[in-house]
Amino acid sequence: MTARAAGVLQALLDRHVLAGAAPGAVASLLAVPDGAEPEAVASGAMSVGGPPMPPDALVRVMSMTKAVTAVTALRLVEAGRLGLDAPVDRWLPELADRRVLTSPTAPLTDTAPAVRPITLRHLLTCTSGYGLVMTDSPLRRAMAAAGLDVAPDRPVTVGADEWLTRLAALPLAFQPGDGWRYHHSFGVLGVLVSRVAGRPLQDHLADDLLGPLGMRDTRLWVPDDDLARLPAAYRHTGSGPVELEPAAGGTYAGRPPFDVSHRELVSTVRDYTRFARMLAAGGRSDGRQVVSPEHLRLMTSDQVPAAAKAPDSFFPGFWDGTGWGFGVGVDVEGPRAGRFGWSGGLGTTFFVDPGGAAGVLATQVEVGARLQPLFDDFQALAERA
């Protein structure tokens, strides 16, 4: 990042922090995927009235974890340990012999047998039959009762095996491959990777991907020695920001008491920019191929059939010009066609352009209307940097 680009990025963050979008923010932009150390620019504070936000803040990246898990799973495919279209119940017997609701809003007892098994491809594309239910239904209520709903203020409270057991006790919303629902497929994917690897996801990630990419601050929790770098998390309300997790505390503070292979990562902007740079460089890093060009092409292009893109499968208008690859959203039309990336629920986002530009932005404020202008301006900035 040139001095001029860093100055423009600093001014952008300062302006939005001053306007109250977030107490603090960190960001990085790459014009080309070169080998230089990523630079991060920070603005604001780690909490309301707290100390300055450092460039190496450890942030809850939440759903940006999906791209990392996708690459890890694809590396297992390339090693011959998984198949994209092979059933996953060899490692996840909880998912054998699934029952499927006759309609997404049917009573939980109104089911039919699954006509095909769940595969790795189904998990990567969020077409497994598991996922967020956006409208009221018996399935949605059952997921909430089992602690399977998702929000920044509803953290994971059970280990990976118990979480999967609870999920598997419920029917699928649709036949595998026939619909799209967000999120839960990637929790299942984390458990799958850990079982194929024969060890917790954190250990496999560290050895197979994070360590070789130099992402040494990226983990499924924050070690006690690094808690001072963990900012507070907030939600905007009509009466001001409400703290969801304190600085140096909360769900990700310290080693958890159970296996969290189904949970999401904490990282730094510098670390995640290293990951984005690898994707922008055709899947290569430091002279080695991290993920094959063919798998990267699949990952970063729309892989969801048109028939599976129900309007009520996600927020309104999501499918207008957007597709879904393996763990990332993809712009399929318009001036940013070919750009891919994703965001996390606590105000983090990244993108990679076809020409190699990449950007990573992190706040710790729940995504919403107050934060969207910062996201929009950051996405546009790369086109002018």
Protein backbone atom coordinates (compact mmCIF):
# COMPACT_ATOMS: atom_id res chain seq x y z
CA MET A 1 0.00 0.00 0.00
CA THR A 2 1.49 3.33 -1.05
CA ALA A 3 1.73 6.24 1.36
CA ARG A 4 -0.99 8.02 -0.59
CA ALA A 5 -3.32 4.99 -0.46
CA ALA A 6 -2.66 4.60 3.26
CA GLY A 7 -3.52 8.24 3.82
CA VAL A 8 -6.76 7.96 1.86
CA LEU A 9 -7.70 4.81 3.78
CA GLN A 10 -6.87 6.48 7.10
CA ALA A 11 -9.07 9.45 6.23
CA LEU A 12 -11.93 7.11 5.28
CA LEU A 13 -11.76 5.22 8.57
CA ASP A 14 -11.41 8.40 10.62
CA ARG A 15 -14.45 9.93 8.96
CA HIS A 16 -16.71 6.96 9.59
CA VAL A 17 -15.47 6.41 13.16
CA LEU A 18 -16.09 10.09 13.91
CA ALA A 19 -19.61 9.72 12.47
CA GLY A 20 -20.29 6.90 14.91
CA ALA A 21 -20.25 3.88 12.59
CA ALA A 22 -17.99 2.05 15.04
CA PRO A 23 -15.79 2.90 18.03
CA GLY A 24 -12.78 1.72 16.02
CA ALA A 25 -11.75 0.10 12.75
CA VAL A 26 -8.73 -1.50 11.07
CA ALA A 27 -8.27 -1.99 7.32
CA SER A 28 -5.80 -2.92 4.62
CA LEU A 29 -5.74 -2.57 0.82
CA LEU A 30 -3.56 -4.36 -1.73
CA ALA A 31 -3.30 -3.03 -5.28
CA VAL A 32 -1.50 -6.19 -6.47
CA PRO A 33 -0.81 -9.50 -4.71
CA ASP A 34 2.94 -8.93 -4.20
CA GLY A 35 5.04 -10.47 -1.46
CA ALA A 36 5.32 -7.35 0.68
CA GLU A 37 4.14 -7.49 4.28
CA PRO A 38 0.51 -6.30 4.40
CA GLU A 39 0.05 -2.92 6.07
CA ALA A 40 -2.90 -2.21 8.34
CA VAL A 41 -4.35 1.19 9.16
CA ALA A 42 -6.23 1.70 12.44
CA SER A 43 -8.63 4.35 13.67
CA GLY A 44 -10.62 5.02 16.81
CA ALA A 45 -10.75 2.96 20.00
CA MET A 46 -11.04 -0.66 21.12
CA SER A 47 -14.16 0.20 23.09
CA VAL A 48 -16.30 3.23 23.80
CA GLY A 49 -13.99 5.52 25.76
CA GLY A 50 -11.26 2.88 25.68
CA PRO A 51 -7.64 2.79 24.48
CA PRO A 52 -6.70 3.32 20.81
CA MET A 53 -7.46 0.56 18.33
CA PRO A 54 -4.10 -1.05 17.40
CA PRO A 55 -3.33 -2.22 13.84
CA ASP A 56 -2.84 -5.75 15.19
CA ALA A 57 -6.19 -5.93 17.00
CA LEU A 58 -7.59 -9.46 17.25
CA VAL A 59 -11.07 -9.32 15.75
CA ARG A 60 -13.93 -11.79 15.62
CA VAL A 61 -14.12 -12.34 11.85
CA MET A 62 -17.14 -14.65 12.17
CA SER A 63 -18.42 -15.65 8.71
CA MET A 64 -15.18 -14.69 6.98
CA THR A 65 -14.08 -18.00 8.51
CA LYS A 66 -16.05 -19.76 5.77
CA ALA A 67 -13.49 -18.95 3.06
CA VAL A 68 -10.65 -20.25 5.23
CA THR A 69 -12.49 -23.49 6.02
CA ALA A 70 -13.33 -23.92 2.33
CA VAL A 71 -9.66 -23.72 1.32
CA THR A 72 -8.72 -26.18 4.07
CA ALA A 73 -11.34 -28.66 2.86
CA LEU A 74 -10.22 -28.27 -0.77
CA ARG A 75 -6.66 -29.04 0.28
CA LEU A 76 -7.94 -32.33 1.73
CA VAL A 77 -9.55 -33.06 -1.64
CA GLU A 78 -6.24 -32.37 -3.38
CA ALA A 79 -4.51 -34.69 -0.92
CA GLY A 80 -6.93 -37.49 -1.86
CA ARG A 81 -8.55 -37.60 1.58
CA LEU A 82 -11.95 -36.20 0.57
CA GLY A 83 -14.04 -36.13 -2.60
CA LEU A 84 -16.19 -33.18 -3.62
CA ASP A 85 -19.11 -35.44 -4.49
CA ALA A 86 -18.52 -38.29 -2.04
CA PRO A 87 -20.97 -38.73 0.88
CA VAL A 88 -19.67 -37.24 4.12
CA ASP A 89 -21.47 -39.70 6.41
CA ARG A 90 -18.39 -41.92 6.33
CA TRP A 91 -16.89 -39.40 8.80
CA LEU A 92 -20.18 -37.91 10.01
CA PRO A 93 -22.42 -40.91 10.71
CA GLU A 94 -24.88 -38.54 12.39
CA LEU A 95 -25.84 -37.41 8.87
CA ALA A 96 -26.65 -40.85 7.47
CA ASP A 97 -30.24 -41.65 6.42
CA ARG A 98 -31.55 -38.10 6.60
CA ARG A 99 -35.23 -37.22 6.72
CA VAL A 100 -36.44 -34.21 4.75
CA LEU A 101 -39.43 -31.97 5.41
CA THR A 102 -42.09 -32.22 2.72
CA SER A 103 -41.98 -28.42 2.66
CA PRO A 104 -39.77 -25.98 4.59
CA THR A 105 -42.70 -24.92 6.79
CA ALA A 106 -44.13 -28.41 7.40
CA PRO A 107 -44.46 -29.96 10.87
CA LEU A 108 -41.28 -31.72 11.96
CA THR A 109 -42.99 -35.10 11.62
CA ASP A 110 -44.04 -34.49 8.02
CA THR A 111 -40.96 -35.88 6.30
CA ALA A 112 -39.72 -38.15 3.55
CA PRO A 113 -36.40 -39.96 3.13
CA ALA A 114 -33.51 -38.06 1.59
CA VAL A 115 -33.04 -39.12 -2.04
CA ARG A 116 -29.28 -38.52 -1.94
CA PRO A 117 -26.59 -38.23 0.75
CA ILE A 118 -24.98 -34.97 1.83
CA THR A 119 -21.64 -34.39 0.10
CA LEU A 120 -18.73 -32.03 0.60
CA ARG A 121 -19.98 -29.99 -2.36
CA HIS A 122 -23.32 -29.54 -0.60
CA LEU A 123 -21.56 -28.23 2.51
CA LEU A 124 -19.33 -25.84 0.54
CA THR A 125 -22.29 -24.42 -1.38
CA CYS A 126 -24.71 -24.24 1.60
CA THR A 127 -27.08 -26.66 -0.17
CA SER A 128 -26.94 -29.46 2.42
CA GLY A 129 -30.47 -28.85 3.70
CA TYR A 130 -29.25 -27.30 6.97
CA GLY A 131 -29.06 -23.56 7.58
CA LEU A 132 -30.76 -20.44 8.81
CA VAL A 133 -34.53 -20.36 8.50
CA MET A 134 -35.62 -16.80 7.70
CA THR A 135 -39.37 -17.18 8.29
CA ASP A 136 -41.32 -18.57 11.24
CA SER A 137 -41.84 -22.33 11.06
CA PRO A 138 -41.67 -25.42 13.26
CA LEU A 139 -38.09 -25.98 12.08
CA ARG A 140 -37.02 -22.48 13.03
CA ARG A 141 -38.55 -22.82 16.48
CA ALA A 142 -36.91 -26.22 16.98
CA MET A 143 -33.51 -24.85 15.98
CA ALA A 144 -33.87 -22.03 18.49
CA ALA A 145 -34.91 -24.45 21.25
CA ALA A 146 -31.83 -26.57 20.52
CA GLY A 147 -29.50 -23.58 20.68
CA LEU A 148 -28.79 -23.75 16.95
CA ASP A 149 -29.88 -20.24 16.00
CA VAL A 150 -27.14 -17.75 15.15
CA ALA A 151 -26.40 -14.22 16.34
CA PRO A 152 -23.39 -12.40 17.79
CA ASP A 153 -25.01 -12.38 21.21
CA ARG A 154 -25.79 -16.13 21.10
CA PRO A 155 -22.35 -17.74 21.19
CA VAL A 156 -21.50 -21.41 20.86
CA THR A 157 -22.02 -23.07 24.23
CA VAL A 158 -21.58 -26.78 23.41
CA GLY A 159 -18.80 -28.84 21.89
CA ALA A 160 -18.63 -29.83 18.25
CA ASP A 161 -19.96 -33.38 18.67
CA GLU A 162 -22.93 -32.29 20.76
CA TRP A 163 -23.69 -29.44 18.34
CA LEU A 164 -23.74 -31.86 15.40
CA THR A 165 -25.90 -34.33 17.33
CA ARG A 166 -28.46 -31.60 17.99
CA LEU A 167 -28.45 -30.50 14.36
CA ALA A 168 -28.77 -34.08 13.08
CA ALA A 169 -31.81 -34.64 15.30
CA LEU A 170 -33.74 -32.25 13.06
CA PRO A 171 -34.97 -32.91 9.51
CA LEU A 172 -33.49 -31.18 6.48
CA ALA A 173 -35.40 -28.21 5.06
CA PHE A 174 -35.03 -29.61 1.53
CA GLN A 175 -33.37 -32.42 -0.36
CA PRO A 176 -29.57 -32.00 -0.47
CA GLY A 177 -28.67 -29.91 -3.50
CA ASP A 178 -32.21 -28.62 -4.09
CA GLY A 179 -32.10 -25.43 -1.99
CA TRP A 180 -29.80 -22.93 -0.29
CA ARG A 181 -29.65 -21.96 3.37
CA TYR A 182 -26.87 -19.98 5.00
CA HIS A 183 -24.35 -20.80 7.72
CA HIS A 184 -24.82 -24.23 9.33
CA SER A 185 -23.22 -26.20 6.50
CA PHE A 186 -19.93 -24.58 7.46
CA GLY A 187 -20.20 -25.59 11.09
CA VAL A 188 -20.68 -29.14 9.82
CA LEU A 189 -17.70 -28.61 7.48
CA GLY A 190 -15.46 -27.67 10.40
CA VAL A 191 -16.42 -30.90 12.18
CA LEU A 192 -15.83 -32.86 8.96
CA VAL A 193 -12.34 -31.44 8.49
CA SER A 194 -11.43 -32.22 12.09
CA ARG A 195 -12.61 -35.82 11.81
CA VAL A 196 -10.87 -36.44 8.48
CA ALA A 197 -7.68 -34.92 9.91
CA GLY A 198 -8.05 -36.88 13.13
CA ARG A 199 -7.55 -33.85 15.37
CA PRO A 200 -9.32 -30.58 16.31
CA LEU A 201 -9.82 -28.09 13.50
CA GLN A 202 -7.55 -25.54 15.23
CA ASP A 203 -4.57 -27.90 15.17
CA HIS A 204 -5.09 -28.90 11.54
CA LEU A 205 -5.57 -25.29 10.41
CA ALA A 206 -2.41 -24.17 12.21
CA ASP A 207 -0.22 -26.82 10.61
CA ASP A 208 -1.77 -27.08 7.17
CA LEU A 209 -2.74 -23.50 6.25
CA LEU A 210 -2.38 -20.76 8.84
CA GLY A 211 1.23 -21.41 9.78
CA PRO A 212 2.52 -21.70 6.20
CA LEU A 213 0.69 -18.46 5.25
CA GLY A 214 2.17 -16.62 8.25
CA MET A 215 -1.28 -16.20 9.86
CA ARG A 216 0.03 -16.76 13.36
CA ASP A 217 -2.59 -14.60 15.09
CA THR A 218 -5.53 -16.50 13.57
CA ARG A 219 -7.18 -19.01 15.90
CA LEU A 220 -10.52 -20.27 17.15
CA TRP A 221 -9.91 -18.44 20.44
CA VAL A 222 -7.64 -15.73 21.89
CA PRO A 223 -4.83 -16.98 24.15
CA ASP A 224 -4.68 -15.35 27.58
CA ASP A 225 -1.41 -13.55 26.73
CA ASP A 226 -3.10 -11.76 23.79
CA LEU A 227 -6.38 -10.70 25.40
CA ALA A 228 -5.30 -7.06 25.55
CA ARG A 229 -5.65 -6.96 21.74
CA LEU A 230 -9.31 -8.13 21.71
CA PRO A 231 -11.71 -5.18 21.24
CA ALA A 232 -15.22 -4.93 22.61
CA ALA A 233 -18.16 -5.88 20.37
CA TYR A 234 -21.30 -3.77 19.92
CA ARG A 235 -24.76 -3.55 18.41
CA HIS A 236 -26.26 -0.24 17.30
CA THR A 237 -29.66 0.55 18.83
CA GLY A 238 -31.91 3.58 18.78
CA SER A 239 -30.43 4.66 22.11
CA GLY A 240 -26.80 4.14 21.12
CA PRO A 241 -24.31 1.27 20.97
CA VAL A 242 -24.95 -1.69 23.28
CA GLU A 243 -21.98 -3.82 24.30
CA LEU A 244 -22.29 -7.48 23.27
CA GLU A 245 -18.86 -8.59 24.50
CA PRO A 246 -16.33 -6.64 26.57
CA ALA A 247 -12.82 -5.80 25.50
CA ALA A 248 -10.40 -8.59 26.52
CA GLY A 249 -13.34 -10.85 27.31
CA GLY A 250 -16.35 -12.75 26.02
CA THR A 251 -16.78 -15.97 24.09
CA TYR A 252 -13.40 -16.00 22.40
CA ALA A 253 -11.34 -15.09 25.46
CA GLY A 254 -9.11 -17.99 26.49
CA ARG A 255 -9.05 -21.67 25.56
CA PRO A 256 -12.61 -23.04 25.50
CA PRO A 257 -13.56 -26.03 27.67
CA PHE A 258 -14.70 -28.13 24.68
CA ASP A 259 -13.87 -28.78 21.03
CA VAL A 260 -14.87 -25.76 18.93
CA SER A 261 -14.22 -27.16 15.46
CA HIS A 262 -17.69 -25.85 14.52
CA ARG A 263 -16.93 -22.29 15.65
CA GLU A 264 -15.48 -19.26 13.86
CA LEU A 265 -12.10 -17.57 13.94
CA VAL A 266 -10.45 -14.55 15.44
CA SER A 267 -7.77 -12.94 13.29
CA THR A 268 -5.99 -9.69 12.49
CA VAL A 269 -6.37 -7.57 9.38
CA ARG A 270 -2.73 -8.30 8.51
CA ASP A 271 -3.29 -12.05 8.84
CA TYR A 272 -6.47 -12.08 6.80
CA THR A 273 -4.87 -9.91 4.14
CA ARG A 274 -2.22 -12.62 3.76
CA PHE A 275 -5.03 -15.08 3.07
CA ALA A 276 -6.76 -12.71 0.62
CA ARG A 277 -3.42 -12.10 -1.12
CA MET A 278 -3.02 -15.85 -1.67
CA LEU A 279 -6.45 -16.01 -3.30
CA ALA A 280 -5.67 -12.94 -5.43
CA ALA A 281 -2.41 -14.56 -6.58
CA GLY A 282 -4.18 -17.56 -8.09
CA GLY A 283 -3.95 -19.69 -4.97
CA ARG A 284 -0.17 -19.31 -4.65
CA SER A 285 1.92 -18.09 -1.72
CA ASP A 286 5.71 -17.92 -1.39
CA GLY A 287 6.18 -19.95 -4.55
CA ARG A 288 3.88 -22.84 -3.62
CA GLN A 289 0.38 -23.70 -4.76
CA VAL A 290 -1.86 -23.57 -1.70
CA VAL A 291 -5.05 -24.44 -3.58
CA SER A 292 -5.23 -25.57 -7.21
CA PRO A 293 -6.33 -23.16 -9.97
CA GLU A 294 -9.32 -25.40 -10.77
CA HIS A 295 -10.53 -25.52 -7.19
CA LEU A 296 -9.97 -21.78 -6.82
CA ARG A 297 -12.07 -21.24 -9.96
CA LEU A 298 -14.90 -23.28 -8.46
CA MET A 299 -14.56 -21.56 -5.11
CA THR A 300 -14.78 -18.06 -6.59
CA SER A 301 -17.56 -18.57 -9.17
CA ASP A 302 -21.29 -19.10 -8.69
CA GLN A 303 -21.95 -22.76 -7.85
CA VAL A 304 -25.62 -22.58 -6.83
CA PRO A 305 -28.25 -23.68 -9.37
CA ALA A 306 -30.86 -21.06 -10.21
CA ALA A 307 -33.63 -23.35 -8.93
CA ALA A 308 -32.03 -23.36 -5.46
CA LYS A 309 -32.00 -19.56 -5.13
CA ALA A 310 -35.34 -19.08 -3.40
CA PRO A 311 -36.10 -15.40 -2.65
CA ASP A 312 -36.72 -16.20 1.02
CA SER A 313 -33.49 -18.17 1.49
CA PHE A 314 -31.61 -15.08 2.71
CA PHE A 315 -32.15 -11.35 3.05
CA PRO A 316 -34.28 -9.66 0.34
CA GLY A 317 -32.48 -9.04 -2.95
CA PHE A 318 -29.43 -11.15 -2.05
CA TRP A 319 -29.49 -13.08 -5.33
CA ASP A 320 -29.79 -9.93 -7.46
CA GLY A 321 -26.41 -9.92 -9.20
CA THR A 322 -24.82 -12.15 -6.54
CA GLY A 323 -23.87 -15.82 -6.59
CA TRP A 324 -22.31 -18.16 -4.04
CA GLY A 325 -19.17 -20.19 -4.59
CA PHE A 326 -17.40 -22.18 -1.86
CA GLY A 327 -17.54 -19.98 1.25
CA VAL A 328 -17.67 -16.66 -0.62
CA GLY A 329 -20.19 -14.48 -2.37
CA VAL A 330 -19.50 -13.63 -6.00
CA ASP A 331 -20.55 -10.59 -8.06
CA VAL A 332 -21.93 -12.13 -11.26
CA GLU A 333 -22.94 -8.96 -13.10
CA GLY A 334 -22.47 -5.21 -13.05
CA PRO A 335 -19.29 -3.12 -12.78
CA ARG A 336 -17.75 -5.41 -10.14
CA ALA A 337 -18.44 -8.69 -11.93
CA GLY A 338 -15.89 -11.27 -10.86
CA ARG A 339 -15.22 -9.70 -7.46
CA PHE A 340 -15.60 -12.19 -4.63
CA GLY A 341 -15.46 -12.01 -0.85
CA TRP A 342 -17.65 -12.09 2.21
CA SER A 343 -18.51 -10.34 5.46
CA GLY A 344 -18.79 -11.30 9.12
CA GLY A 345 -21.71 -10.44 11.36
CA LEU A 346 -19.61 -8.22 13.66
CA GLY A 347 -18.64 -5.75 10.98
CA THR A 348 -15.81 -7.41 9.09
CA THR A 349 -15.52 -7.76 5.31
CA PHE A 350 -13.04 -8.69 2.58
CA PHE A 351 -12.97 -8.73 -1.21
CA VAL A 352 -10.69 -9.80 -4.04
CA ASP A 353 -10.94 -8.31 -7.53
CA PRO A 354 -10.19 -10.21 -10.77
CA GLY A 355 -7.24 -7.87 -11.35
CA GLY A 356 -5.63 -8.79 -8.04
CA ALA A 357 -6.68 -5.91 -5.78
CA ALA A 358 -7.83 -7.03 -2.34
CA GLY A 359 -9.13 -5.37 0.78
CA VAL A 360 -9.88 -6.33 4.39
CA LEU A 361 -11.86 -4.21 6.84
CA ALA A 362 -12.65 -4.97 10.48
CA THR A 363 -14.84 -3.29 13.04
CA GLN A 364 -16.54 -5.04 15.94
CA VAL A 365 -20.04 -3.70 15.43
CA GLU A 366 -22.93 -5.85 14.25
CA VAL A 367 -23.67 -5.35 10.56
CA GLY A 368 -26.57 -2.98 9.97
CA ALA A 369 -27.65 0.32 8.48
CA ARG A 370 -25.20 2.41 10.54
CA LEU A 371 -22.23 0.39 9.32
CA GLN A 372 -23.21 -0.12 5.66
CA PRO A 373 -21.93 3.27 4.41
CA LEU A 374 -18.44 2.39 5.69
CA PHE A 375 -18.61 -0.96 3.89
CA ASP A 376 -19.78 0.73 0.68
CA ASP A 377 -17.07 3.41 0.77
CA PHE A 378 -14.38 0.86 1.51
CA GLN A 379 -15.47 -1.37 -1.37
CA ALA A 380 -15.41 1.64 -3.70
CA LEU A 381 -12.05 2.91 -2.46
CA ALA A 382 -10.10 0.05 -4.06
CA GLU A 383 -11.33 1.17 -7.47
CA ARG A 384 -9.72 4.58 -6.95
CA ALA A 385 -6.58 3.60 -4.99
